[in-house]
Amino acid sequence: IEFVHKDRGCIINQRSLGQDTLSFDRAL
């Protein structure tokens, strides 16, 4: 994760590979 977004009008859930998920396809 590079740019960290704060919730404003939207709910934004940011997931980092390795830390929050094991792979792009698994998280997708």
PDB file of all heavy atoms in Angstrom:
ATOM      1  N   ILE A   1       0.855  -1.180   0.000  1.00  0.00           N
ATOM      2  CA  ILE A   1       0.000   0.000   0.000  1.00  0.00           C
ATOM      3  C   ILE A   1       0.893   1.232   0.000  1.00  0.00           C
ATOM      4  O   ILE A   1       1.782   1.359   0.831  1.00  0.00           O
ATOM      5  CB  ILE A   1      -0.926   0.005   1.235  1.00  0.00           C
ATOM      6  CG1 ILE A   1      -1.929  -1.152   1.145  1.00  0.00           C
ATOM      7  CG2 ILE A   1      -1.646   1.337   1.366  1.00  0.00           C
ATOM      8  CD1 ILE A   1      -2.718  -1.376   2.406  1.00  0.00           C
ATOM      9  N   GLU A   2       0.639   2.131  -0.934  1.00  0.00           N
ATOM     10  CA  GLU A   2       1.433   3.359  -1.021  1.00  0.00           C
ATOM     11  C   GLU A   2       0.647   4.544  -0.456  1.00  0.00           C
ATOM     12  O   GLU A   2       0.969   5.074   0.591  1.00  0.00           O
ATOM     13  CB  GLU A   2       1.857   3.607  -2.467  1.00  0.00           C
ATOM     14  CG  GLU A   2       2.764   2.498  -3.010  1.00  0.00           C
ATOM     15  CD  GLU A   2       3.350   2.838  -4.362  1.00  0.00           C
ATOM     16  OE1 GLU A   2       3.414   4.038  -4.700  1.00  0.00           O
ATOM     17  OE2 GLU A   2       3.749   1.912  -5.090  1.00  0.00           O
ATOM     18  N   PHE A   3      -0.379   4.970  -1.156  1.00  0.00           N
ATOM     19  CA  PHE A   3      -1.199   6.081  -0.685  1.00  0.00           C
ATOM     20  C   PHE A   3      -2.290   5.535   0.235  1.00  0.00           C
ATOM     21  O   PHE A   3      -3.031   4.630  -0.146  1.00  0.00           O
ATOM     22  CB  PHE A   3      -1.836   6.812  -1.864  1.00  0.00           C
ATOM     23  CG  PHE A   3      -0.839   7.509  -2.747  1.00  0.00           C
ATOM     24  CD1 PHE A   3      -0.265   6.859  -3.827  1.00  0.00           C
ATOM     25  CD2 PHE A   3      -0.468   8.827  -2.505  1.00  0.00           C
ATOM     26  CE1 PHE A   3       0.647   7.487  -4.649  1.00  0.00           C
ATOM     27  CE2 PHE A   3       0.445   9.476  -3.320  1.00  0.00           C
ATOM     28  CZ  PHE A   3       1.003   8.807  -4.394  1.00  0.00           C
ATOM     29  N   VAL A   4      -2.391   6.098   1.432  1.00  0.00           N
ATOM     30  CA  VAL A   4      -3.398   5.656   2.391  1.00  0.00           C
ATOM     31  C   VAL A   4      -4.615   6.576   2.293  1.00  0.00           C
ATOM     32  O   VAL A   4      -4.515   7.785   2.503  1.00  0.00           O
ATOM     33  CB  VAL A   4      -2.837   5.673   3.829  1.00  0.00           C
ATOM     34  CG1 VAL A   4      -3.913   5.263   4.831  1.00  0.00           C
ATOM     35  CG2 VAL A   4      -1.628   4.739   3.937  1.00  0.00           C
ATOM     36  N   HIS A   5      -5.762   5.992   1.966  1.00  0.00           N
ATOM     37  CA  HIS A   5      -7.003   6.755   1.818  1.00  0.00           C
ATOM     38  C   HIS A   5      -7.836   6.661   3.083  1.00  0.00           C
ATOM     39  O   HIS A   5      -7.971   5.590   3.675  1.00  0.00           O
ATOM     40  CB  HIS A   5      -7.818   6.206   0.639  1.00  0.00           C
ATOM     41  CG  HIS A   5      -7.145   6.324  -0.686  1.00  0.00           C
ATOM     42  ND1 HIS A   5      -7.287   7.416  -1.507  1.00  0.00           N
ATOM     43  CD2 HIS A   5      -6.309   5.465  -1.340  1.00  0.00           C
ATOM     44  CE1 HIS A   5      -6.590   7.238  -2.614  1.00  0.00           C
ATOM     45  NE2 HIS A   5      -5.984   6.060  -2.538  1.00  0.00           N
ATOM     46  N   LYS A   6      -8.387   7.783   3.496  1.00  0.00           N
ATOM     47  CA  LYS A   6      -9.308   7.827   4.628  1.00  0.00           C
ATOM     48  C   LYS A   6     -10.742   7.841   4.095  1.00  0.00           C
ATOM     49  O   LYS A   6     -11.023   8.466   3.069  1.00  0.00           O
ATOM     50  CB  LYS A   6      -9.064   9.082   5.478  1.00  0.00           C
ATOM     51  CG  LYS A   6      -7.649   9.190   6.038  1.00  0.00           C
ATOM     52  CD  LYS A   6      -7.338   8.052   7.000  1.00  0.00           C
ATOM     53  CE  LYS A   6      -5.936   8.219   7.600  1.00  0.00           C
ATOM     54  NZ  LYS A   6      -5.589   7.071   8.469  1.00  0.00           N
ATOM     55  N   ASP A   7     -11.648   7.164   4.810  1.00  0.00           N
ATOM     56  CA  ASP A   7     -13.047   7.150   4.397  1.00  0.00           C
ATOM     57  C   ASP A   7     -13.619   8.567   4.400  1.00  0.00           C
ATOM     58  O   ASP A   7     -13.523   9.281   5.399  1.00  0.00           O
ATOM     59  CB  ASP A   7     -13.878   6.293   5.344  1.00  0.00           C
ATOM     60  CG  ASP A   7     -13.540   4.814   5.237  1.00  0.00           C
ATOM     61  OD1 ASP A   7     -12.728   4.467   4.370  1.00  0.00           O
ATOM     62  OD2 ASP A   7     -14.091   4.028   6.019  1.00  0.00           O
ATOM     63  N   ARG A   8     -14.187   8.970   3.288  1.00  0.00           N
ATOM     64  CA  ARG A   8     -14.926  10.230   3.208  1.00  0.00           C
ATOM     65  C   ARG A   8     -16.347   9.875   2.793  1.00  0.00           C
ATOM     66  O   ARG A   8     -17.134   9.418   3.596  1.00  0.00           O
ATOM     67  CB  ARG A   8     -14.242  11.190   2.249  1.00  0.00           C
ATOM     68  CG  ARG A   8     -12.841  11.590   2.735  1.00  0.00           C
ATOM     69  CD  ARG A   8     -12.369  12.883   2.113  1.00  0.00           C
ATOM     70  NE  ARG A   8     -11.052  13.245   2.615  1.00  0.00           N
ATOM     71  CZ  ARG A   8     -10.436  14.371   2.332  1.00  0.00           C
ATOM     72  NH1 ARG A   8     -11.026  15.260   1.537  1.00  0.00           N
ATOM     73  NH2 ARG A   8      -9.235  14.639   2.822  1.00  0.00           N
ATOM     74  N   GLY A   9     -16.656  10.056   1.516  1.00  0.00           N
ATOM     75  CA  GLY A   9     -17.965   9.595   1.079  1.00  0.00           C
ATOM     76  C   GLY A   9     -18.013   8.089   0.936  1.00  0.00           C
ATOM     77  O   GLY A   9     -19.070   7.475   1.029  1.00  0.00           O
ATOM     78  N   CYS A  10     -16.860   7.479   0.702  1.00  0.00           N
ATOM     79  CA  CYS A  10     -16.778   6.047   0.434  1.00  0.00           C
ATOM     80  C   CYS A  10     -16.221   5.263   1.624  1.00  0.00           C
ATOM     81  O   CYS A  10     -15.536   5.814   2.484  1.00  0.00           O
ATOM     82  CB  CYS A  10     -15.880   5.796  -0.783  1.00  0.00           C
ATOM     83  SG  CYS A  10     -16.489   6.499  -2.321  1.00  0.00           S
ATOM     84  N   ILE A  11     -16.518   3.963   1.621  1.00  0.00           N
ATOM     85  CA  ILE A  11     -15.810   3.019   2.486  1.00  0.00           C
ATOM     86  C   ILE A  11     -14.636   2.494   1.665  1.00  0.00           C
ATOM     87  O   ILE A  11     -14.831   1.980   0.558  1.00  0.00           O
ATOM     88  CB  ILE A  11     -16.702   1.827   2.884  1.00  0.00           C
ATOM     89  CG1 ILE A  11     -17.984   2.303   3.575  1.00  0.00           C
ATOM     90  CG2 ILE A  11     -15.937   0.859   3.774  1.00  0.00           C
ATOM     91  CD1 ILE A  11     -19.003   1.188   3.757  1.00  0.00           C
ATOM     92  N   ILE A  12     -13.419   2.636   2.174  1.00  0.00           N
ATOM     93  CA  ILE A  12     -12.242   2.169   1.442  1.00  0.00           C
ATOM     94  C   ILE A  12     -11.489   1.150   2.293  1.00  0.00           C
ATOM     95  O   ILE A  12     -10.975   1.473   3.371  1.00  0.00           O
ATOM     96  CB  ILE A  12     -11.308   3.331   1.049  1.00  0.00           C
ATOM     97  CG1 ILE A  12     -12.071   4.381   0.229  1.00  0.00           C
ATOM     98  CG2 ILE A  12     -10.108   2.809   0.263  1.00  0.00           C
ATOM     99  CD1 ILE A  12     -11.240   5.546  -0.228  1.00  0.00           C
ATOM    100  N   ASN A  13     -11.439  -0.090   1.834  1.00  0.00           N
ATOM    101  CA  ASN A  13     -10.672  -1.146   2.486  1.00  0.00           C
ATOM    102  C   ASN A  13      -9.431  -1.439   1.651  1.00  0.00           C
ATOM    103  O   ASN A  13      -9.536  -1.880   0.496  1.00  0.00           O
ATOM    104  CB  ASN A  13     -11.507  -2.419   2.630  1.00  0.00           C
ATOM    105  CG  ASN A  13     -12.527  -2.314   3.750  1.00  0.00           C
ATOM    106  OD1 ASN A  13     -12.173  -2.059   4.888  1.00  0.00           O
ATOM    107  ND2 ASN A  13     -13.805  -2.493   3.410  1.00  0.00           N
ATOM    108  N   GLN A  14      -8.260  -1.156   2.213  1.00  0.00           N
ATOM    109  CA  GLN A  14      -6.996  -1.372   1.508  1.00  0.00           C
ATOM    110  C   GLN A  14      -6.297  -2.610   2.061  1.00  0.00           C
ATOM    111  O   GLN A  14      -6.067  -2.725   3.267  1.00  0.00           O
ATOM    112  CB  GLN A  14      -6.095  -0.142   1.653  1.00  0.00           C
ATOM    113  CG  GLN A  14      -6.682   1.097   0.976  1.00  0.00           C
ATOM    114  CD  GLN A  14      -5.768   2.297   1.038  1.00  0.00           C
ATOM    115  OE1 GLN A  14      -5.971   3.189   1.861  1.00  0.00           O
ATOM    116  NE2 GLN A  14      -4.778   2.326   0.164  1.00  0.00           N
ATOM    117  N   ARG A  15      -5.941  -3.527   1.164  1.00  0.00           N
ATOM    118  CA  ARG A  15      -5.311  -4.782   1.552  1.00  0.00           C
ATOM    119  C   ARG A  15      -3.915  -4.858   0.944  1.00  0.00           C
ATOM    120  O   ARG A  15      -3.735  -4.633  -0.259  1.00  0.00           O
ATOM    121  CB  ARG A  15      -6.151  -5.977   1.106  1.00  0.00           C
ATOM    122  CG  ARG A  15      -7.622  -5.912   1.553  1.00  0.00           C
ATOM    123  CD  ARG A  15      -8.333  -7.214   1.273  1.00  0.00           C
ATOM    124  NE  ARG A  15      -7.806  -8.286   2.113  1.00  0.00           N
ATOM    125  CZ  ARG A  15      -8.065  -9.580   1.903  1.00  0.00           C
ATOM    126  NH1 ARG A  15      -8.795  -9.946   0.860  1.00  0.00           N
ATOM    127  NH2 ARG A  15      -7.573 -10.489   2.716  1.00  0.00           N
ATOM    128  N   SER A  16      -2.946  -5.200   1.785  1.00  0.00           N
ATOM    129  CA  SER A  16      -1.556  -5.282   1.344  1.00  0.00           C
ATOM    130  C   SER A  16      -1.159  -6.734   1.116  1.00  0.00           C
ATOM    131  O   SER A  16      -1.420  -7.599   1.970  1.00  0.00           O
ATOM    132  CB  SER A  16      -0.636  -4.654   2.392  1.00  0.00           C
ATOM    133  OG  SER A  16       0.725  -4.780   2.026  1.00  0.00           O
ATOM    134  N   LEU A  17      -0.535  -7.001  -0.025  1.00  0.00           N
ATOM    135  CA  LEU A  17      -0.080  -8.352  -0.345  1.00  0.00           C
ATOM    136  C   LEU A  17       0.970  -8.795   0.672  1.00  0.00           C
ATOM    137  O   LEU A  17       1.894  -8.067   0.986  1.00  0.00           O
ATOM    138  CB  LEU A  17       0.520  -8.375  -1.756  1.00  0.00           C
ATOM    139  CG  LEU A  17       0.528  -9.719  -2.476  1.00  0.00           C
ATOM    140  CD1 LEU A  17      -0.887 -10.169  -2.782  1.00  0.00           C
ATOM    141  CD2 LEU A  17       1.332  -9.611  -3.772  1.00  0.00           C
ATOM    142  N   GLY A  18       0.791 -10.003   1.199  1.00  0.00           N
ATOM    143  CA  GLY A  18       1.728 -10.523   2.191  1.00  0.00           C
ATOM    144  C   GLY A  18       1.261 -10.273   3.601  1.00  0.00           C
ATOM    145  O   GLY A  18       1.296 -11.161   4.446  1.00  0.00           O
ATOM    146  N   GLN A  19       0.772  -9.071   3.862  1.00  0.00           N
ATOM    147  CA  GLN A  19       0.310  -8.734   5.201  1.00  0.00           C
ATOM    148  C   GLN A  19      -1.178  -9.039   5.391  1.00  0.00           C
ATOM    149  O   GLN A  19      -1.578  -9.619   6.399  1.00  0.00           O
ATOM    150  CB  GLN A  19       0.557  -7.251   5.478  1.00  0.00           C
ATOM    151  CG  GLN A  19       0.040  -6.764   6.833  1.00  0.00           C
ATOM    152  CD  GLN A  19       0.342  -5.296   7.062  1.00  0.00           C
ATOM    153  OE1 GLN A  19       1.473  -4.849   6.859  1.00  0.00           O
ATOM    154  NE2 GLN A  19      -0.650  -4.535   7.479  1.00  0.00           N
ATOM    155  N   ASP A  20      -2.003  -8.657   4.413  1.00  0.00           N
ATOM    156  CA  ASP A  20      -3.453  -8.821   4.540  1.00  0.00           C
ATOM    157  C   ASP A  20      -4.020  -9.906   3.636  1.00  0.00           C
ATOM    158  O   ASP A  20      -5.160 -10.323   3.815  1.00  0.00           O
ATOM    159  CB  ASP A  20      -4.159  -7.496   4.219  1.00  0.00           C
ATOM    160  CG  ASP A  20      -3.649  -6.351   5.085  1.00  0.00           C
ATOM    161  OD1 ASP A  20      -3.537  -6.549   6.303  1.00  0.00           O
ATOM    162  OD2 ASP A  20      -3.341  -5.278   4.534  1.00  0.00           O
ATOM    163  N   THR A  21      -3.256 -10.322   2.650  1.00  0.00           N
ATOM    164  CA  THR A  21      -3.703 -11.372   1.738  1.00  0.00           C
ATOM    165  C   THR A  21      -2.477 -12.066   1.148  1.00  0.00           C
ATOM    166  O   THR A  21      -1.378 -11.482   1.144  1.00  0.00           O
ATOM    167  CB  THR A  21      -4.585 -10.798   0.617  1.00  0.00           C
ATOM    168  OG1 THR A  21      -5.071 -11.873  -0.201  1.00  0.00           O
ATOM    169  CG2 THR A  21      -3.817  -9.818  -0.251  1.00  0.00           C
ATOM    170  N   LEU A  22      -2.670 -13.288   0.647  1.00  0.00           N
ATOM    171  CA  LEU A  22      -1.528 -14.065   0.155  1.00  0.00           C
ATOM    172  C   LEU A  22      -1.236 -13.825  -1.324  1.00  0.00           C
ATOM    173  O   LEU A  22      -0.108 -14.034  -1.770  1.00  0.00           O
ATOM    174  CB  LEU A  22      -1.767 -15.558   0.401  1.00  0.00           C
ATOM    175  CG  LEU A  22      -1.914 -15.971   1.871  1.00  0.00           C
ATOM    176  CD1 LEU A  22      -2.183 -17.463   1.981  1.00  0.00           C
ATOM    177  CD2 LEU A  22      -0.656 -15.593   2.661  1.00  0.00           C
ATOM    178  N   SER A  23      -2.238 -13.405  -2.096  1.00  0.00           N
ATOM    179  CA  SER A  23      -1.996 -13.192  -3.529  1.00  0.00           C
ATOM    180  C   SER A  23      -3.081 -12.297  -4.105  1.00  0.00           C
ATOM    181  O   SER A  23      -4.166 -12.148  -3.535  1.00  0.00           O
ATOM    182  CB  SER A  23      -1.994 -14.532  -4.287  1.00  0.00           C
ATOM    183  OG  SER A  23      -3.282 -15.126  -4.242  1.00  0.00           O
ATOM    184  N   PHE A  24      -2.787 -11.695  -5.265  1.00  0.00           N
ATOM    185  CA  PHE A  24      -3.753 -10.838  -5.930  1.00  0.00           C
ATOM    186  C   PHE A  24      -5.007 -11.623  -6.310  1.00  0.00           C
ATOM    187  O   PHE A  24      -6.126 -11.174  -6.073  1.00  0.00           O
ATOM    188  CB  PHE A  24      -3.147 -10.225  -7.203  1.00  0.00           C
ATOM    189  CG  PHE A  24      -2.279  -9.025  -6.956  1.00  0.00           C
ATOM    190  CD1 PHE A  24      -0.954  -9.011  -7.370  1.00  0.00           C
ATOM    191  CD2 PHE A  24      -2.789  -7.903  -6.329  1.00  0.00           C
ATOM    192  CE1 PHE A  24      -0.151  -7.912  -7.152  1.00  0.00           C
ATOM    193  CE2 PHE A  24      -1.997  -6.780  -6.109  1.00  0.00           C
ATOM    194  CZ  PHE A  24      -0.669  -6.791  -6.522  1.00  0.00           C
ATOM    195  N   ASP A  25      -4.824 -12.801  -6.921  1.00  0.00           N
ATOM    196  CA  ASP A  25      -5.985 -13.545  -7.392  1.00  0.00           C
ATOM    197  C   ASP A  25      -6.843 -14.039  -6.231  1.00  0.00           C
ATOM    198  O   ASP A  25      -8.074 -14.036  -6.312  1.00  0.00           O
ATOM    199  CB  ASP A  25      -5.556 -14.711  -8.299  1.00  0.00           C
ATOM    200  CG  ASP A  25      -4.684 -15.721  -7.595  1.00  0.00           C
ATOM    201  OD1 ASP A  25      -3.475 -15.456  -7.470  1.00  0.00           O
ATOM    202  OD2 ASP A  25      -5.206 -16.765  -7.162  1.00  0.00           O
ATOM    203  N   ARG A  26      -6.196 -14.427  -5.116  1.00  0.00           N
ATOM    204  CA  ARG A  26      -6.948 -14.875  -3.939  1.00  0.00           C
ATOM    205  C   ARG A  26      -7.792 -13.719  -3.374  1.00  0.00           C
ATOM    206  O   ARG A  26      -8.968 -13.877  -3.066  1.00  0.00           O
ATOM    207  CB  ARG A  26      -5.955 -15.396  -2.896  1.00  0.00           C
ATOM    208  CG  ARG A  26      -6.601 -16.026  -1.668  1.00  0.00           C
ATOM    209  CD  ARG A  26      -5.517 -16.339  -0.630  1.00  0.00           C
ATOM    210  NE  ARG A  26      -6.056 -17.005   0.525  1.00  0.00           N
ATOM    211  CZ  ARG A  26      -5.925 -18.301   0.782  1.00  0.00           C
ATOM    212  NH1 ARG A  26      -5.288 -19.070  -0.078  1.00  0.00           N
ATOM    213  NH2 ARG A  26      -6.432 -18.822   1.878  1.00  0.00           N
ATOM    214  N   ALA A  27      -7.163 -12.535  -3.252  1.00  0.00           N
ATOM    215  CA  ALA A  27      -7.872 -11.376  -2.714  1.00  0.00           C
ATOM    216  C   ALA A  27      -8.964 -10.904  -3.665  1.00  0.00           C
ATOM    217  O   ALA A  27     -10.034 -10.470  -3.229  1.00  0.00           O
ATOM    218  CB  ALA A  27      -6.882 -10.246  -2.448  1.00  0.00           C
ATOM    219  N   LEU A  28      -8.705 -10.998  -4.962  1.00  0.00           N
ATOM    220  CA  LEU A  28      -9.689 -10.568  -5.954  1.00  0.00           C
ATOM    221  C   LEU A  28     -10.901 -11.499  -5.943  1.00  0.00           C
ATOM    222  O   LEU A  28     -12.055 -11.046  -6.023  1.00  0.00           O
ATOM    223  CB  LEU A  28      -9.047 -10.542  -7.337  1.00  0.00           C
ATOM    224  CG  LEU A  28      -9.877 -10.043  -8.519  1.00  0.00           C
ATOM    225  CD1 LEU A  28     -10.547  -8.716  -8.207  1.00  0.00           C
ATOM    226  CD2 LEU A  28      -8.995  -9.918  -9.746  1.00  0.00           C
TER     227      LEU A  28
END
